Amino acid sequence: MIAWTAQQVAEATGGRLSQVDPTVMITGPVVTDSRQVEPGSLFVALPGEHADGHDFAAAAVTDSGAHLVLAARELPGVPSVIVEDVEVALGELARAVLAALREAALETRETLTVIGITGSVGKTTTKDLLAQICASAGPTIAPEKSFNNEIGLPLTVLRADESTRFLVLEMGASGMGHLEYLTRIAPPDIAVVLVVGHAHLGGFGGIEAVAQAKSEIVSGLLPTGVAVLNADDSRVAAMASKAPGDVLTFGTTEAADVRALDLRVDRAGRAAFTLELRDGQRADVQLRLVGEHHAHNALAAAATALTAGLSLEQVATALSGAEALSPHRMHVVDRPDGITVIDDSYNANPDSMRAALKALAVLAGRERRSVAVLGEMMELGPDSRVEHEAIGLQVVRLNIGLTVVVGDGARPIAAGAVREGSWGEEVLFVDDVDQAAQVLSEELRPGDVVLVKSSNGSGLWRLGDLLIDGEVSA
């Protein structure tokens, strides 16, 4: 965060000073976890589901050196800015700091490009790719992990300072108005919409409502902002009507401004393609990420970076060198015992589940056995059973060698597989992660390719860690 006084924090948040010199400076990071406090920090005392940040405020100051606490109540002996709602105040602080950074950039004739990314699938991967591309051209700030909500996004904004040239923000939505709120905090110069899919259907009530919610990022653009839209998704392409200014499209259709030609996948499951622009310029890209579906994320990142002013050569070179950064997202590990683990257990919805299963089939090929360990896809609402059963059909059609279905929420996957013709020991159901680990320790053999895929809340990521660490072995 830029160096601000306690008085400036109070003015930005509409709070009042308590037990603090107004001239005290914030010289460290803004954090919500007291374990991350550094000397000079601003500690944000959020009330949590399991703990209240106010209970840790005194120690954050006396033991770790925080200069100021953003709090909802008086705390004896703790220098604070007292606000009505700490979460809302955090957003207001981020909004004010970003506005100050933009004003400073104008005065110094530097550039600060704020990029917002949303979509039902691929936000984090696209964010990671784009951040690596942008970093090749200037100082870049991007979210850690999937900091994409009303707490994570302000914390990301507050990591920016006067040197930041690119601020890449992931914007998630599980209901109407969520993106409107986030774009009020950080109005984008560039808004990217990847796809309208079946994630969080339970919070929206239908696919058209999902599209409406995602379009809020386009409506939230600055008046001079550019919308970067997926030409292959009709619901996303239709958002062009909401853009205040220019629109750039990406995809595989001829109508796209930035498109992929000659898309192919090697035996390791990594996509390659020729990146073509509307004016005929071309460059070759070879991704290091596993999964054909990442080609679309790469296209989105490329189109966005080009919009931000990077050259085609810069974009293609950086894309080809980009790595997977976030944990539990198509993380591929070749173990010494010959087993390959694909850990994609951070999140799941029907679209990403199908993509991951296809990547598993490609990576295993005809020579190796494919093993899918599948958990629940959460927040699908009344369509949950049907969507899980459809994944069971996909498992059979891709000829997955062994499928282990984990937990009652995922049970319809097994039912769908049986209905499609799976029988015998090809599909197994277990109650929990511990049982899944036991089954795998008995079933795995050298040469297997194992996919672990579920929503994060199912806890299957623990099995991903065990497999990668070799604690579940053949």
Protein backbone atom coordinates (compact mmCIF):
# COMPACT_ATOMS: atom_id res chain seq x y z
CA MET A 1 0.00 0.00 0.00
CA ILE A 2 1.08 3.57 -0.57
CA ALA A 3 2.14 5.36 2.59
CA TRP A 4 -0.93 6.98 4.12
CA THR A 5 -1.55 8.56 7.50
CA ALA A 6 -4.11 7.36 10.00
CA GLN A 7 -6.06 10.53 9.19
CA GLN A 8 -6.19 9.65 5.51
CA VAL A 9 -7.38 6.13 6.35
CA ALA A 10 -10.14 7.59 8.52
CA GLU A 11 -11.22 10.01 5.78
CA ALA A 12 -11.29 7.26 3.14
CA THR A 13 -13.34 4.90 5.30
CA GLY A 14 -15.64 7.41 6.97
CA GLY A 15 -14.24 6.32 10.33
CA ARG A 16 -13.02 8.15 13.42
CA LEU A 17 -9.62 8.04 15.03
CA SER A 18 -9.20 6.40 18.43
CA GLN A 19 -6.06 6.43 20.57
CA VAL A 20 -3.80 7.26 17.62
CA ASP A 21 -1.79 10.22 16.36
CA PRO A 22 -3.43 11.33 13.07
CA THR A 23 0.00 11.64 11.46
CA VAL A 24 1.03 8.02 12.11
CA MET A 25 1.97 6.46 8.77
CA ILE A 26 1.00 3.07 7.36
CA THR A 27 4.26 1.78 5.92
CA GLY A 28 3.56 -1.96 5.83
CA PRO A 29 0.99 -4.21 4.18
CA VAL A 30 -2.75 -4.22 4.83
CA VAL A 31 -3.67 -7.63 6.27
CA THR A 32 -6.65 -9.45 7.76
CA ASP A 33 -4.60 -12.26 9.31
CA SER A 34 -2.68 -11.24 12.44
CA ARG A 35 0.01 -13.80 11.57
CA GLN A 36 0.85 -11.72 8.49
CA VAL A 37 1.32 -8.44 10.33
CA GLU A 38 4.61 -6.67 9.72
CA PRO A 39 5.98 -3.51 11.34
CA GLY A 40 3.98 -0.57 9.99
CA SER A 41 0.98 -2.69 8.92
CA LEU A 42 -2.68 -1.81 8.95
CA PHE A 43 -4.49 -4.73 10.59
CA VAL A 44 -8.11 -5.13 9.47
CA ALA A 45 -10.10 -6.69 12.33
CA LEU A 46 -12.72 -8.65 10.42
CA PRO A 47 -15.29 -10.71 12.30
CA GLY A 48 -14.91 -14.27 11.03
CA GLU A 49 -16.90 -17.47 11.07
CA HIS A 50 -14.56 -19.08 13.57
CA ALA A 51 -12.65 -16.13 15.04
CA ASP A 52 -13.03 -12.38 15.49
CA GLY A 53 -10.11 -10.26 14.32
CA HIS A 54 -10.76 -7.83 17.16
CA ASP A 55 -9.51 -10.50 19.57
CA PHE A 56 -6.08 -10.38 17.91
CA ALA A 57 -5.79 -6.63 17.44
CA ALA A 58 -3.82 -5.84 20.60
CA ALA A 59 -1.22 -8.50 19.82
CA ALA A 60 -0.99 -7.31 16.23
CA VAL A 61 0.10 -3.91 17.57
CA THR A 62 2.21 -4.78 20.60
CA ASP A 63 3.82 -8.02 19.39
CA SER A 64 4.03 -7.56 15.61
CA GLY A 65 4.29 -3.80 15.18
CA ALA A 66 1.06 -2.87 13.40
CA HIS A 67 0.68 0.91 13.32
CA LEU A 68 -3.10 0.96 13.02
CA VAL A 69 -6.18 -1.26 13.34
CA LEU A 70 -9.38 -0.91 11.33
CA ALA A 71 -12.05 -1.91 13.83
CA ALA A 72 -15.79 -1.83 14.51
CA ARG A 73 -15.45 -1.06 18.23
CA GLU A 74 -13.16 0.58 20.76
CA LEU A 75 -10.20 -1.57 21.78
CA PRO A 76 -8.35 -0.47 24.95
CA GLY A 77 -4.84 0.69 24.18
CA VAL A 78 -5.10 -0.10 20.45
CA PRO A 79 -4.55 2.70 17.89
CA SER A 80 -7.60 2.40 15.66
CA VAL A 81 -9.89 3.81 13.05
CA ILE A 82 -13.41 2.94 14.18
CA VAL A 83 -15.94 2.24 11.43
CA GLU A 84 -19.49 0.94 11.29
CA ASP A 85 -18.70 -2.06 9.06
CA VAL A 86 -15.10 -3.25 8.73
CA GLU A 87 -15.63 -5.18 5.48
CA VAL A 88 -17.30 -2.22 3.78
CA ALA A 89 -14.59 0.11 5.10
CA LEU A 90 -11.89 -2.16 3.64
CA GLY A 91 -13.52 -1.78 0.23
CA GLU A 92 -13.79 2.00 0.63
CA LEU A 93 -10.12 2.21 1.56
CA ALA A 94 -9.13 0.23 -1.53
CA ARG A 95 -11.34 2.42 -3.72
CA ALA A 96 -9.74 5.60 -2.37
CA VAL A 97 -6.19 4.28 -2.68
CA LEU A 98 -6.75 3.17 -6.28
CA ALA A 99 -8.20 6.57 -7.15
CA ALA A 100 -5.12 8.23 -5.65
CA LEU A 101 -2.81 5.92 -7.62
CA ARG A 102 -4.63 6.72 -10.84
CA GLU A 103 -4.36 10.45 -10.17
CA ALA A 104 -0.65 10.14 -9.40
CA ALA A 105 -0.08 8.17 -12.61
CA LEU A 106 -1.71 10.94 -14.63
CA GLU A 107 0.47 13.57 -12.99
CA THR A 108 3.67 11.64 -13.69
CA ARG A 109 2.52 10.56 -17.16
CA GLU A 110 2.96 6.94 -16.20
CA THR A 111 0.36 4.29 -16.98
CA LEU A 112 -1.68 2.23 -14.54
CA THR A 113 -3.91 -0.31 -16.24
CA VAL A 114 -6.56 -1.99 -14.10
CA ILE A 115 -7.80 -5.30 -15.50
CA GLY A 116 -10.83 -7.20 -14.17
CA ILE A 117 -11.41 -10.84 -15.09
CA THR A 118 -14.60 -12.83 -14.55
CA GLY A 119 -16.24 -15.98 -15.87
CA SER A 120 -17.70 -19.25 -14.66
CA VAL A 121 -14.53 -21.16 -15.53
CA GLY A 122 -10.86 -20.26 -15.90
CA LYS A 123 -10.58 -17.01 -13.94
CA THR A 124 -7.60 -18.01 -11.85
CA THR A 125 -5.65 -19.64 -14.68
CA THR A 126 -6.27 -16.65 -16.96
CA LYS A 127 -5.24 -14.32 -14.15
CA ASP A 128 -2.02 -16.27 -13.62
CA LEU A 129 -1.19 -16.28 -17.34
CA LEU A 130 -1.99 -12.59 -17.78
CA ALA A 131 0.01 -11.60 -14.71
CA GLN A 132 3.08 -13.35 -16.10
CA ILE A 133 2.63 -11.68 -19.50
CA CYS A 134 2.18 -8.23 -17.95
CA ALA A 135 5.15 -8.73 -15.62
CA SER A 136 7.35 -9.00 -18.71
CA ALA A 137 6.42 -5.40 -19.51
CA GLY A 138 6.28 -3.71 -16.12
CA PRO A 139 5.60 -4.04 -12.36
CA THR A 140 2.44 -6.10 -11.94
CA ILE A 141 0.17 -6.85 -9.00
CA ALA A 142 -2.20 -9.85 -9.16
CA PRO A 143 -4.20 -11.78 -6.56
CA GLU A 144 -2.65 -14.47 -4.44
CA LYS A 145 -4.50 -17.75 -4.94
CA SER A 146 -8.14 -16.87 -5.75
CA PHE A 147 -8.59 -13.58 -3.90
CA ASN A 148 -11.62 -12.56 -5.92
CA ASN A 149 -14.34 -11.52 -3.48
CA GLU A 150 -15.30 -8.50 -1.38
CA ILE A 151 -12.33 -9.12 0.93
CA GLY A 152 -9.71 -10.59 -1.38
CA LEU A 153 -10.09 -7.97 -4.11
CA PRO A 154 -9.56 -4.93 -1.84
CA LEU A 155 -6.53 -6.63 -0.28
CA THR A 156 -5.08 -7.12 -3.77
CA VAL A 157 -5.74 -3.49 -4.72
CA LEU A 158 -4.03 -2.36 -1.53
CA ARG A 159 -0.83 -4.16 -2.51
CA ALA A 160 -0.38 -1.72 -5.39
CA ASP A 161 1.85 1.35 -5.12
CA GLU A 162 3.18 4.15 -7.30
CA SER A 163 5.41 1.77 -9.26
CA THR A 164 2.57 -0.55 -10.31
CA ARG A 165 1.87 -0.50 -14.05
CA PHE A 166 -0.60 -3.41 -14.26
CA LEU A 167 -3.19 -4.31 -11.62
CA VAL A 168 -4.75 -7.67 -12.56
CA LEU A 169 -7.89 -8.46 -10.57
CA GLU A 170 -9.94 -11.63 -10.47
CA MET A 171 -13.61 -10.88 -9.86
CA GLY A 172 -15.89 -13.66 -8.66
CA ALA A 173 -19.67 -13.62 -8.34
CA SER A 174 -22.06 -16.01 -6.66
CA GLY A 175 -25.07 -13.72 -6.88
CA MET A 176 -26.49 -10.61 -8.50
CA GLY A 177 -24.79 -7.34 -7.66
CA HIS A 178 -21.49 -8.91 -6.58
CA LEU A 179 -19.53 -7.67 -9.59
CA GLU A 180 -21.24 -4.30 -9.43
CA TYR A 181 -19.84 -3.97 -5.91
CA LEU A 182 -16.34 -5.06 -6.92
CA THR A 183 -16.19 -2.76 -9.95
CA ARG A 184 -17.24 0.14 -7.75
CA ILE A 185 -14.11 -0.52 -5.69
CA ALA A 186 -11.90 -1.01 -8.75
CA PRO A 187 -13.45 0.22 -12.01
CA PRO A 188 -11.50 -1.61 -14.74
CA ASP A 189 -9.73 -0.12 -17.72
CA ILE A 190 -10.15 -3.55 -19.29
CA ALA A 191 -12.94 -6.00 -18.40
CA VAL A 192 -12.56 -9.63 -19.45
CA VAL A 193 -15.43 -12.14 -19.57
CA LEU A 194 -14.38 -15.74 -20.19
CA VAL A 195 -17.48 -17.90 -20.24
CA VAL A 196 -20.98 -18.15 -18.82
CA GLY A 197 -21.27 -21.64 -17.39
CA HIS A 198 -22.88 -23.71 -14.69
CA ALA A 199 -20.84 -22.62 -11.68
CA HIS A 200 -22.83 -21.39 -8.64
CA LEU A 201 -26.18 -22.00 -10.36
CA GLY A 202 -27.71 -22.45 -6.94
CA GLY A 203 -27.00 -18.81 -6.13
CA PHE A 204 -28.42 -17.46 -9.38
CA GLY A 205 -31.39 -19.61 -10.31
CA GLY A 206 -30.51 -20.16 -13.96
CA ILE A 207 -27.95 -19.71 -16.72
CA GLU A 208 -29.45 -16.44 -17.98
CA ALA A 209 -29.15 -14.98 -14.50
CA VAL A 210 -25.50 -16.04 -14.47
CA ALA A 211 -25.00 -14.14 -17.74
CA GLN A 212 -26.69 -11.05 -16.33
CA ALA A 213 -24.50 -11.14 -13.22
CA LYS A 214 -21.28 -11.58 -15.23
CA SER A 215 -22.22 -8.64 -17.47
CA GLU A 216 -21.93 -6.32 -14.47
CA ILE A 217 -18.18 -6.24 -15.00
CA VAL A 218 -18.72 -4.76 -18.48
CA SER A 219 -21.19 -2.18 -17.18
CA GLY A 220 -18.64 -1.32 -14.49
CA LEU A 221 -15.91 -0.33 -16.94
CA LEU A 222 -14.49 3.16 -16.93
CA PRO A 223 -16.07 5.30 -19.68
CA THR A 224 -12.89 4.85 -21.74
CA GLY A 225 -12.57 1.17 -20.89
CA VAL A 226 -12.40 -1.81 -23.24
CA ALA A 227 -14.42 -5.02 -22.96
CA VAL A 228 -12.56 -8.22 -23.93
CA LEU A 229 -15.20 -10.85 -24.69
CA ASN A 230 -15.34 -14.51 -25.67
CA ALA A 231 -16.67 -14.70 -29.22
CA ASP A 232 -17.27 -18.46 -28.84
CA ASP A 233 -19.88 -17.96 -26.10
CA SER A 234 -23.02 -16.27 -27.41
CA ARG A 235 -24.04 -15.07 -23.96
CA VAL A 236 -20.66 -13.41 -23.46
CA ALA A 237 -20.56 -11.95 -26.97
CA ALA A 238 -23.97 -10.34 -26.34
CA MET A 239 -22.43 -8.30 -23.51
CA ALA A 240 -20.87 -6.03 -26.15
CA SER A 241 -24.08 -3.98 -26.02
CA LYS A 242 -23.30 -3.07 -22.40
CA ALA A 243 -19.78 -1.83 -23.11
CA PRO A 244 -19.30 1.93 -22.80
CA GLY A 245 -16.62 1.94 -25.50
CA ASP A 246 -14.48 -0.43 -27.54
CA VAL A 247 -14.87 -4.21 -27.61
CA LEU A 248 -12.20 -6.78 -28.53
CA THR A 249 -13.17 -10.43 -28.99
CA PHE A 250 -11.19 -13.65 -28.69
CA GLY A 251 -11.98 -17.23 -29.66
CA THR A 252 -11.68 -19.86 -32.34
CA THR A 253 -14.34 -18.51 -34.72
CA GLU A 254 -13.50 -16.35 -37.72
CA ALA A 255 -15.46 -13.51 -36.15
CA ALA A 256 -12.96 -13.20 -33.28
CA ASP A 257 -10.44 -10.35 -33.33
CA VAL A 258 -7.83 -12.55 -31.63
CA ARG A 259 -8.08 -16.23 -32.43
CA ALA A 260 -6.30 -19.55 -32.31
CA LEU A 261 -5.48 -21.43 -35.48
CA ASP A 262 -4.26 -25.01 -35.82
CA LEU A 263 -4.99 -25.91 -32.19
CA ARG A 264 -3.26 -29.16 -31.27
CA VAL A 265 -2.37 -31.10 -28.12
CA ASP A 266 0.86 -33.05 -27.59
CA ARG A 267 1.19 -36.38 -25.77
CA ALA A 268 1.82 -34.53 -22.51
CA GLY A 269 -1.58 -32.85 -22.84
CA ARG A 270 -0.18 -29.38 -23.56
CA ALA A 271 -1.86 -27.20 -26.17
CA ALA A 272 -0.13 -25.33 -28.98
CA PHE A 273 -1.64 -22.99 -31.54
CA THR A 274 -0.98 -20.09 -33.87
CA LEU A 275 -2.15 -16.78 -32.45
CA GLU A 276 -3.68 -14.65 -35.21
CA LEU A 277 -4.81 -11.03 -35.06
CA ARG A 278 -7.45 -9.33 -37.17
CA ASP A 279 -4.78 -7.58 -39.24
CA GLY A 280 -3.17 -10.90 -40.18
CA GLN A 281 -0.24 -10.84 -37.76
CA ARG A 282 0.62 -14.30 -36.43
CA ALA A 283 2.79 -15.86 -33.74
CA ASP A 284 3.19 -19.42 -32.47
CA VAL A 285 2.36 -20.34 -28.87
CA GLN A 286 3.28 -23.55 -27.02
CA LEU A 287 1.70 -23.70 -23.57
CA ARG A 288 3.30 -25.39 -20.59
CA LEU A 289 -0.06 -25.97 -18.91
CA VAL A 290 -1.77 -29.34 -19.22
CA GLY A 291 -5.24 -29.42 -20.78
CA GLU A 292 -6.61 -28.35 -24.14
CA HIS A 293 -9.09 -26.05 -22.41
CA HIS A 294 -6.21 -23.80 -21.32
CA ALA A 295 -5.85 -22.65 -24.92
CA HIS A 296 -9.00 -20.58 -24.42
CA ASN A 297 -7.65 -19.09 -21.18
CA ALA A 298 -4.43 -18.27 -23.03
CA LEU A 299 -6.38 -16.57 -25.82
CA ALA A 300 -8.18 -14.41 -23.27
CA ALA A 301 -4.90 -13.48 -21.61
CA ALA A 302 -3.33 -12.70 -25.00
CA ALA A 303 -6.22 -10.49 -26.14
CA THR A 304 -6.14 -8.62 -22.84
CA ALA A 305 -2.38 -8.07 -22.90
CA LEU A 306 -2.60 -6.79 -26.47
CA THR A 307 -5.35 -4.39 -25.40
CA ALA A 308 -3.06 -3.22 -22.58
CA GLY A 309 -0.43 -2.24 -25.14
CA LEU A 310 1.94 -5.21 -25.32
CA SER A 311 3.24 -6.39 -28.69
CA LEU A 312 2.29 -9.69 -30.29
CA GLU A 313 5.88 -10.90 -29.91
CA GLN A 314 5.92 -10.04 -26.19
CA VAL A 315 2.61 -11.81 -25.65
CA ALA A 316 3.51 -15.00 -27.52
CA THR A 317 6.91 -15.28 -25.85
CA ALA A 318 5.55 -14.73 -22.34
CA LEU A 319 2.61 -17.10 -22.88
CA SER A 320 4.92 -19.86 -24.04
CA GLY A 321 7.00 -19.45 -20.90
CA ALA A 322 4.15 -19.10 -18.42
CA GLU A 323 3.76 -21.68 -15.67
CA ALA A 324 0.84 -22.86 -13.55
CA LEU A 325 1.04 -20.73 -10.40
CA SER A 326 -1.98 -21.49 -8.22
CA PRO A 327 -2.12 -24.71 -6.17
CA HIS A 328 -4.57 -27.54 -6.88
CA ARG A 329 -5.29 -26.31 -10.41
CA MET A 330 -4.23 -28.84 -13.06
CA HIS A 331 -1.01 -29.33 -11.11
CA VAL A 332 0.76 -32.22 -12.82
CA VAL A 333 3.44 -34.21 -10.99
CA ASP A 334 5.33 -37.23 -12.32
CA ARG A 335 6.21 -39.32 -9.26
CA PRO A 336 9.36 -41.47 -9.03
CA ASP A 337 7.20 -44.62 -8.93
CA GLY A 338 5.84 -43.92 -12.42
CA ILE A 339 2.46 -42.57 -11.33
CA THR A 340 1.38 -39.19 -12.72
CA VAL A 341 -0.91 -37.05 -10.54
CA ILE A 342 -3.17 -34.33 -11.94
CA ASP A 343 -4.33 -32.32 -8.93
CA ASP A 344 -7.26 -30.12 -9.99
CA SER A 345 -9.07 -30.24 -6.67
CA TYR A 346 -9.43 -26.53 -5.93
CA ASN A 347 -12.77 -26.10 -7.67
CA ALA A 348 -15.20 -27.85 -9.96
CA ASN A 349 -18.29 -27.27 -12.04
CA PRO A 350 -19.68 -29.28 -14.97
CA ASP A 351 -17.60 -27.44 -17.57
CA SER A 352 -14.29 -27.69 -15.75
CA MET A 353 -14.99 -31.30 -14.74
CA ARG A 354 -15.46 -32.33 -18.37
CA ALA A 355 -12.33 -30.45 -19.41
CA ALA A 356 -10.25 -32.11 -16.70
CA LEU A 357 -11.53 -35.59 -17.62
CA LYS A 358 -10.65 -34.97 -21.25
CA ALA A 359 -7.14 -33.89 -20.22
CA LEU A 360 -6.82 -37.08 -18.16
CA ALA A 361 -7.79 -39.21 -21.15
CA VAL A 362 -5.31 -37.43 -23.41
CA LEU A 363 -2.44 -37.66 -20.93
CA ALA A 364 -3.04 -41.36 -20.27
CA GLY A 365 -3.45 -42.22 -23.95
CA ARG A 366 -3.75 -45.87 -24.86
CA GLU A 367 -0.66 -47.02 -22.99
CA ARG A 368 -1.48 -45.98 -19.42
CA ARG A 369 -4.48 -46.52 -17.16
CA SER A 370 -6.56 -43.44 -16.38
CA VAL A 371 -7.87 -43.07 -12.82
CA ALA A 372 -10.39 -40.36 -11.89
CA VAL A 373 -11.06 -39.50 -8.25
CA LEU A 374 -14.10 -37.27 -8.30
CA GLY A 375 -15.84 -35.34 -5.54
CA GLU A 376 -18.87 -33.12 -5.37
CA MET A 377 -19.45 -30.10 -7.60
CA MET A 378 -21.04 -27.68 -5.14
CA GLU A 379 -23.55 -24.84 -5.49
CA LEU A 380 -25.37 -26.30 -8.50
CA GLY A 381 -28.81 -25.94 -6.97
CA PRO A 382 -31.70 -28.09 -8.24
CA ASP A 383 -29.65 -29.20 -11.26
CA SER A 384 -27.04 -30.86 -9.07
CA ARG A 385 -28.13 -34.49 -9.51
CA VAL A 386 -28.55 -34.21 -13.27
CA GLU A 387 -25.18 -32.49 -13.70
CA HIS A 388 -23.38 -35.09 -11.59
CA GLU A 389 -25.01 -37.94 -13.50
CA ALA A 390 -23.86 -36.34 -16.75
CA ILE A 391 -20.28 -36.48 -15.52
CA GLY A 392 -20.75 -40.22 -14.94
CA LEU A 393 -21.74 -40.57 -18.59
CA GLN A 394 -18.63 -38.61 -19.59
CA VAL A 395 -16.41 -40.95 -17.58
CA VAL A 396 -17.66 -43.95 -19.52
CA ARG A 397 -17.51 -42.24 -22.91
CA LEU A 398 -13.89 -41.29 -22.30
CA ASN A 399 -13.12 -44.86 -21.29
CA ILE A 400 -11.65 -43.90 -17.93
CA GLY A 401 -10.07 -47.02 -16.48
CA LEU A 402 -11.04 -46.54 -12.84
CA THR A 403 -13.31 -43.96 -11.26
CA VAL A 404 -13.47 -43.43 -7.50
CA VAL A 405 -16.46 -41.31 -6.48
CA VAL A 406 -16.07 -39.64 -3.08
CA GLY A 407 -18.92 -38.51 -0.82
CA ASP A 408 -22.71 -38.54 -0.94
CA GLY A 409 -22.88 -35.28 -2.88
CA ALA A 410 -20.99 -36.89 -5.76
CA ARG A 411 -22.82 -40.25 -5.63
CA PRO A 412 -24.90 -39.50 -8.79
CA ILE A 413 -21.64 -39.61 -10.79
CA ALA A 414 -21.46 -43.33 -10.03
CA ALA A 415 -25.12 -43.77 -10.90
CA GLY A 416 -24.62 -42.02 -14.23
CA ALA A 417 -21.63 -44.20 -15.07
CA VAL A 418 -23.55 -47.38 -14.31
CA ARG A 419 -26.49 -46.21 -16.41
CA GLU A 420 -24.13 -45.54 -19.33
CA GLY A 421 -22.75 -49.06 -19.17
CA SER A 422 -19.96 -49.14 -16.60
CA TRP A 423 -19.90 -52.30 -14.53
CA GLY A 424 -17.71 -54.43 -12.28
CA GLU A 425 -14.84 -52.64 -10.58
CA GLU A 426 -14.59 -49.73 -13.01
CA VAL A 427 -16.52 -47.36 -10.73
CA LEU A 428 -16.18 -47.39 -6.93
CA PHE A 429 -18.01 -45.27 -4.37
CA VAL A 430 -16.45 -44.31 -1.03
CA ASP A 431 -17.76 -42.17 1.80
CA ASP A 432 -14.82 -39.83 2.40
CA VAL A 433 -11.24 -38.83 1.65
CA ASP A 434 -9.75 -41.36 4.05
CA GLN A 435 -11.56 -44.22 2.34
CA ALA A 436 -10.50 -42.88 -1.05
CA ALA A 437 -6.87 -42.88 0.08
CA GLN A 438 -7.21 -46.48 1.27
CA VAL A 439 -8.75 -47.58 -2.03
CA LEU A 440 -6.03 -45.89 -4.05
CA SER A 441 -3.27 -47.44 -1.95
CA GLU A 442 -4.73 -50.82 -2.90
CA GLU A 443 -5.60 -50.07 -6.54
CA LEU A 444 -2.84 -47.84 -7.92
CA ARG A 445 -0.03 -49.31 -9.95
CA PRO A 446 3.03 -47.84 -11.69
CA GLY A 447 2.15 -46.06 -14.90
CA ASP A 448 -1.30 -44.88 -13.78
CA VAL A 449 -2.41 -41.31 -14.44
CA VAL A 450 -4.58 -40.06 -11.56
CA LEU A 451 -6.90 -37.05 -11.68
CA VAL A 452 -8.25 -35.56 -8.43
CA LYS A 453 -11.13 -33.20 -9.15
CA SER A 454 -13.83 -31.62 -6.96
CA SER A 455 -15.06 -28.40 -5.44
CA ASN A 456 -12.74 -27.10 -2.74
CA GLY A 457 -15.36 -27.51 -0.03
CA SER A 458 -15.43 -31.28 -0.48
CA GLY A 459 -11.93 -31.49 1.01
CA LEU A 460 -10.57 -33.66 -1.78
CA TRP A 461 -7.57 -31.33 -2.04
CA ARG A 462 -6.19 -33.21 0.97
CA LEU A 463 -6.02 -36.35 -1.15
CA GLY A 464 -4.27 -34.36 -3.88
CA ASP A 465 -1.59 -33.36 -1.38
CA LEU A 466 -1.20 -36.95 -0.18
CA LEU A 467 -0.80 -38.24 -3.71
CA ILE A 468 1.72 -35.60 -4.73
CA ASP A 469 3.72 -36.16 -1.54
CA GLY A 470 3.77 -39.89 -2.22
CA GLU A 471 1.90 -40.72 1.00
CA VAL A 472 -0.61 -42.72 -1.04
CA SER A 473 1.43 -45.09 -3.17
CA ALA A 474 1.14 -48.14 -5.36
